[in-house]
Amino acid sequence: MSATTTLDQRGGVPIGAFATLPDPASWHETLRSLGTHARGGQWIVSTPPDVAAALSTPALQVIRPSAGTGPAAELVARMARFCDGEAHRRRRALTMRLLPPVPAIASQAAELAVRYLRERADADRLDIMPLARTLPAEAIAGAMGLTGPAAARAADLAGQLCDALSAGPRRAATARTPDADTAASELCATLRQLRLTAGDDVAAAASLLFQARDATAALIGAAVLAPRPPESGHTAVRVQSVLRRQAPVQCTRRTAVADTPIGTALIPRGSDVWIFVAAAELGNGAPATFGSGPHACPGAHAATAIAGEVLTILDAGGWRPVARQRIDYEPRPNLRLPRRVLVSRG
């Protein structure tokens, strides 16, 4: 599809469905050419300088899951991801303190990938996405110090919480579900095995698993599907190529808490703002998909290391993506998360 495809040619596609269009890069140039602008009552930010400004200003704040009571609401309210200002700075510092060293996470990821394939040694074809969805959180939990079964359980519970809170294009995330409360309570109990006693410490550990789960799964899926560069089959090169050309996280959302000048536009207070980080990719520096400013991804290096380890293990076993398979994506407003990615040996 041409890079000059206009938004009008997308018909009635809502902004929240852009991330799962067949080739997002084909409309990034159009978004950039329009600058910061309103569409259907919502605002789109996409040029590199405007994205950087939008991610840095305190006038655009993160969107929190719907208010409620119960364990899930209490847990997400304590996560740095869902707060701003001084609370965010303090909680992010806790999160960074608990994030294990990247080599420890990578070692856990390699071990889990090897085990996954060993348990399926008789298969000639398999879906890699069940591994992609569980391995990132399990690797981090193991590197934090949880034993094998406890790390696996923590990853499963983080996944349940993600699923309960995930918003589709037309549904707002909410923490007011029995499934979310059950998962949150057990996840906190599991993480207390790390001798974390303060509520914010437990929430910081939970947020590492929560944030790693789906975004890193999307990166693994895209990296497995990506062509092997003719000049180099090195996994780090392939992962970096995916981050810049088929970004797993396409956009992030904010709410304007004051009239906010971004570029040549003035975004009114109360506006819903979509910041298309993937459209702001410059090809140098940190990949734009990880964001910038106060809420930049705290686990960027861990995510790339995990994806690289999975690719290395698959390559060593002779696993390749099945040719001409149809790839469908979960209806996420910000992620390109494949439902299934088939690989075979040969």
Foldseek 3Di string as FASTA:
>chain_A
DALCDEPVNVPPDDLLQLLFPPFNNSPLVVLVVVAWDDDPQFIEHFAQQLQQVLQADPQWAADAADADDALLNVLSVLALLHDDDPSNVVLVVLLLVLFADLVQLLVQLLVLLVVVCVVVVVDQKDWCLVCLQQRNQLSRQVRSPQDNVLSSLLSVLLSQLLVQQFAFSPGHGHCPDPSNNVSSVVNLVSVCVSVDDDSSNSSSSSVSSNVRRQQLSLLLQQLQQDDQDPVDNQSLVSSLVCLQRVNFFQWGKTARCAFDDRPNDTDHHGHIYIYGQNSHAPPDDDRSSQPDHSNRNSCSSNSSSSSSSSVVVCVVQQKHWDPPDDWGADRGSTGRRTPTTMIGHD
